[in-house]
Amino acid sequence: MGDKKRIFSMKVVNFLLKHGAELLEVRTGEVKNDPKALTFLFANDEKLSEALIALKRYNETKRLMLK
């Protein structure tokens, strides 16, 4: 794949890191209305895909438990 995926949420970043995604870079100044906001760049690879699937399952389980 070779490209990068931008993530803006610190909670999502922490989850992805715990699940093996590779953080490449942290930037500031990419959010128009908040120049101090952080942008996290991850390698868009299999590890990230697996971590995002795990996040989706986690959120679905959490949502079902709140019903």
N, C-alpha and C. Protein backbone atom coordinates (compact mmCIF):
# COMPACT_ATOMS: atom_id res chain seq x y z
N MET A 1 0.83 -1.19 0.00
CA MET A 1 0.00 0.00 0.00
C MET A 1 0.87 1.25 0.00
N GLY A 2 1.70 1.43 1.03
CA GLY A 2 2.68 2.48 1.01
C GLY A 2 2.21 3.88 1.36
N ASP A 3 0.94 4.13 1.45
CA ASP A 3 0.50 5.48 1.75
C ASP A 3 0.20 5.63 3.24
N LYS A 4 -0.28 6.81 3.63
CA LYS A 4 -0.51 7.13 5.03
C LYS A 4 -1.98 7.41 5.29
N LYS A 5 -2.38 7.14 6.52
CA LYS A 5 -3.75 7.41 6.94
C LYS A 5 -3.71 8.42 8.07
N ARG A 6 -4.49 9.49 7.96
CA ARG A 6 -4.53 10.53 8.99
C ARG A 6 -5.61 10.21 10.02
N ILE A 7 -5.24 10.34 11.29
CA ILE A 7 -6.16 10.16 12.40
C ILE A 7 -6.07 11.41 13.26
N PHE A 8 -7.22 11.90 13.74
CA PHE A 8 -7.25 13.15 14.49
C PHE A 8 -7.62 12.96 15.96
N SER A 9 -8.22 11.86 16.32
CA SER A 9 -8.70 11.62 17.68
C SER A 9 -7.64 10.91 18.53
N MET A 10 -7.33 11.48 19.68
CA MET A 10 -6.34 10.90 20.57
C MET A 10 -6.79 9.53 21.09
N LYS A 11 -8.08 9.38 21.36
CA LYS A 11 -8.59 8.08 21.83
C LYS A 11 -8.40 7.00 20.78
N VAL A 12 -8.68 7.34 19.54
CA VAL A 12 -8.51 6.39 18.44
C VAL A 12 -7.03 6.06 18.27
N VAL A 13 -6.18 7.07 18.35
CA VAL A 13 -4.74 6.87 18.21
C VAL A 13 -4.24 5.89 19.27
N ASN A 14 -4.64 6.10 20.52
CA ASN A 14 -4.21 5.20 21.59
C ASN A 14 -4.67 3.77 21.35
N PHE A 15 -5.91 3.61 20.89
CA PHE A 15 -6.44 2.28 20.60
C PHE A 15 -5.63 1.62 19.49
N LEU A 16 -5.37 2.36 18.42
CA LEU A 16 -4.63 1.80 17.28
C LEU A 16 -3.22 1.39 17.68
N LEU A 17 -2.57 2.21 18.49
CA LEU A 17 -1.22 1.89 18.94
C LEU A 17 -1.21 0.62 19.80
N LYS A 18 -2.20 0.49 20.67
CA LYS A 18 -2.29 -0.70 21.52
C LYS A 18 -2.53 -1.96 20.70
N HIS A 19 -3.09 -1.79 19.51
CA HIS A 19 -3.40 -2.94 18.66
C HIS A 19 -2.41 -3.10 17.50
N GLY A 20 -1.24 -2.49 17.63
CA GLY A 20 -0.14 -2.79 16.71
C GLY A 20 0.00 -1.93 15.48
N ALA A 21 -0.80 -0.88 15.34
CA ALA A 21 -0.65 -0.01 14.17
C ALA A 21 0.64 0.80 14.29
N GLU A 22 1.23 1.13 13.15
CA GLU A 22 2.52 1.82 13.12
C GLU A 22 2.34 3.33 12.92
N LEU A 23 2.68 4.09 13.95
CA LEU A 23 2.63 5.55 13.87
C LEU A 23 3.88 6.04 13.15
N LEU A 24 3.69 6.81 12.09
CA LEU A 24 4.82 7.31 11.30
C LEU A 24 5.24 8.72 11.68
N GLU A 25 4.24 9.57 11.97
CA GLU A 25 4.56 10.98 12.16
C GLU A 25 3.41 11.68 12.89
N VAL A 26 3.75 12.72 13.62
CA VAL A 26 2.75 13.58 14.26
C VAL A 26 2.97 14.99 13.71
N ARG A 27 1.89 15.62 13.27
CA ARG A 27 1.99 16.96 12.68
C ARG A 27 1.03 17.91 13.37
N THR A 28 1.30 19.19 13.25
CA THR A 28 0.37 20.23 13.67
C THR A 28 0.12 21.14 12.48
N GLY A 29 -0.95 21.94 12.56
CA GLY A 29 -1.22 22.92 11.52
C GLY A 29 -2.01 22.40 10.34
N GLU A 30 -2.54 21.18 10.41
CA GLU A 30 -3.31 20.64 9.28
C GLU A 30 -4.82 20.84 9.43
N VAL A 31 -5.25 21.20 10.64
CA VAL A 31 -6.68 21.41 10.90
C VAL A 31 -6.97 22.91 10.75
N LYS A 32 -7.83 23.24 9.82
CA LYS A 32 -8.06 24.64 9.43
C LYS A 32 -8.47 25.52 10.61
N ASN A 33 -9.44 25.08 11.40
CA ASN A 33 -9.97 25.91 12.49
C ASN A 33 -9.19 25.77 13.79
N ASP A 34 -8.23 24.87 13.84
CA ASP A 34 -7.45 24.64 15.06
C ASP A 34 -6.00 24.31 14.68
N PRO A 35 -5.19 25.33 14.44
CA PRO A 35 -3.82 25.10 13.97
C PRO A 35 -2.94 24.35 14.97
N LYS A 36 -3.34 24.30 16.25
CA LYS A 36 -2.56 23.58 17.25
C LYS A 36 -2.97 22.12 17.37
N ALA A 37 -4.04 21.74 16.70
CA ALA A 37 -4.53 20.35 16.76
C ALA A 37 -3.50 19.41 16.13
N LEU A 38 -3.42 18.23 16.69
CA LEU A 38 -2.47 17.24 16.20
C LEU A 38 -3.09 16.35 15.13
N THR A 39 -2.29 15.99 14.16
CA THR A 39 -2.66 15.02 13.14
C THR A 39 -1.66 13.87 13.24
N PHE A 40 -2.17 12.66 13.38
CA PHE A 40 -1.33 11.48 13.51
C PHE A 40 -1.35 10.70 12.20
N LEU A 41 -0.19 10.44 11.65
CA LEU A 41 -0.09 9.71 10.39
C LEU A 41 0.35 8.28 10.67
N PHE A 42 -0.47 7.34 10.21
CA PHE A 42 -0.19 5.91 10.37
C PHE A 42 0.12 5.29 9.02
N ALA A 43 0.94 4.25 9.05
CA ALA A 43 1.18 3.47 7.84
C ALA A 43 -0.12 2.79 7.47
N ASN A 44 -0.57 2.98 6.24
CA ASN A 44 -1.82 2.38 5.77
C ASN A 44 -1.51 0.97 5.28
N ASP A 45 -1.44 0.05 6.24
CA ASP A 45 -1.05 -1.32 5.94
C ASP A 45 -1.97 -2.32 6.65
N GLU A 46 -1.59 -3.57 6.63
CA GLU A 46 -2.41 -4.64 7.22
C GLU A 46 -2.59 -4.45 8.72
N LYS A 47 -1.54 -4.00 9.41
CA LYS A 47 -1.64 -3.78 10.86
C LYS A 47 -2.70 -2.73 11.18
N LEU A 48 -2.71 -1.65 10.41
CA LEU A 48 -3.71 -0.60 10.62
C LEU A 48 -5.10 -1.13 10.31
N SER A 49 -5.24 -1.89 9.26
CA SER A 49 -6.54 -2.46 8.91
C SER A 49 -7.08 -3.34 10.03
N GLU A 50 -6.21 -4.18 10.59
CA GLU A 50 -6.61 -5.05 11.69
C GLU A 50 -6.99 -4.24 12.92
N ALA A 51 -6.23 -3.19 13.22
CA ALA A 51 -6.53 -2.34 14.38
C ALA A 51 -7.85 -1.60 14.19
N LEU A 52 -8.12 -1.13 12.97
CA LEU A 52 -9.39 -0.43 12.70
C LEU A 52 -10.58 -1.38 12.80
N ILE A 53 -10.41 -2.62 12.37
CA ILE A 53 -11.47 -3.62 12.51
C ILE A 53 -11.72 -3.90 13.98
N ALA A 54 -10.64 -4.01 14.77
CA ALA A 54 -10.77 -4.22 16.21
C ALA A 54 -11.49 -3.04 16.86
N LEU A 55 -11.20 -1.83 16.43
CA LEU A 55 -11.87 -0.64 16.95
C LEU A 55 -13.36 -0.67 16.62
N LYS A 56 -13.69 -1.04 15.42
CA LYS A 56 -15.10 -1.13 15.02
C LYS A 56 -15.84 -2.16 15.87
N ARG A 57 -15.23 -3.32 16.09
CA ARG A 57 -15.85 -4.34 16.94
C ARG A 57 -16.00 -3.86 18.38
N TYR A 58 -14.98 -3.19 18.88
CA TYR A 58 -15.01 -2.65 20.24
C TYR A 58 -16.17 -1.66 20.39
N ASN A 59 -16.30 -0.74 19.43
CA ASN A 59 -17.37 0.26 19.49
C ASN A 59 -18.74 -0.38 19.38
N GLU A 60 -18.88 -1.41 18.54
CA GLU A 60 -20.17 -2.10 18.41
C GLU A 60 -20.53 -2.80 19.71
N THR A 61 -19.57 -3.45 20.33
CA THR A 61 -19.80 -4.16 21.60
C THR A 61 -20.18 -3.16 22.69
N LYS A 62 -19.46 -2.06 22.74
CA LYS A 62 -19.74 -1.02 23.74
C LYS A 62 -21.13 -0.45 23.56
N ARG A 63 -21.52 -0.22 22.30
CA ARG A 63 -22.85 0.32 22.00
C ARG A 63 -23.94 -0.65 22.43
N LEU A 64 -23.73 -1.95 22.17
CA LEU A 64 -24.73 -2.96 22.54
C LEU A 64 -24.85 -3.09 24.05
N MET A 65 -23.76 -2.92 24.76
CA MET A 65 -23.80 -3.04 26.22
C MET A 65 -24.53 -1.88 26.87
N LEU A 66 -24.58 -0.73 26.19
CA LEU A 66 -25.25 0.44 26.73
C LEU A 66 -26.75 0.43 26.50
N LYS A 67 -27.23 -0.46 25.66
CA LYS A 67 -28.68 -0.54 25.38
C LYS A 67 -29.42 -1.14 26.53
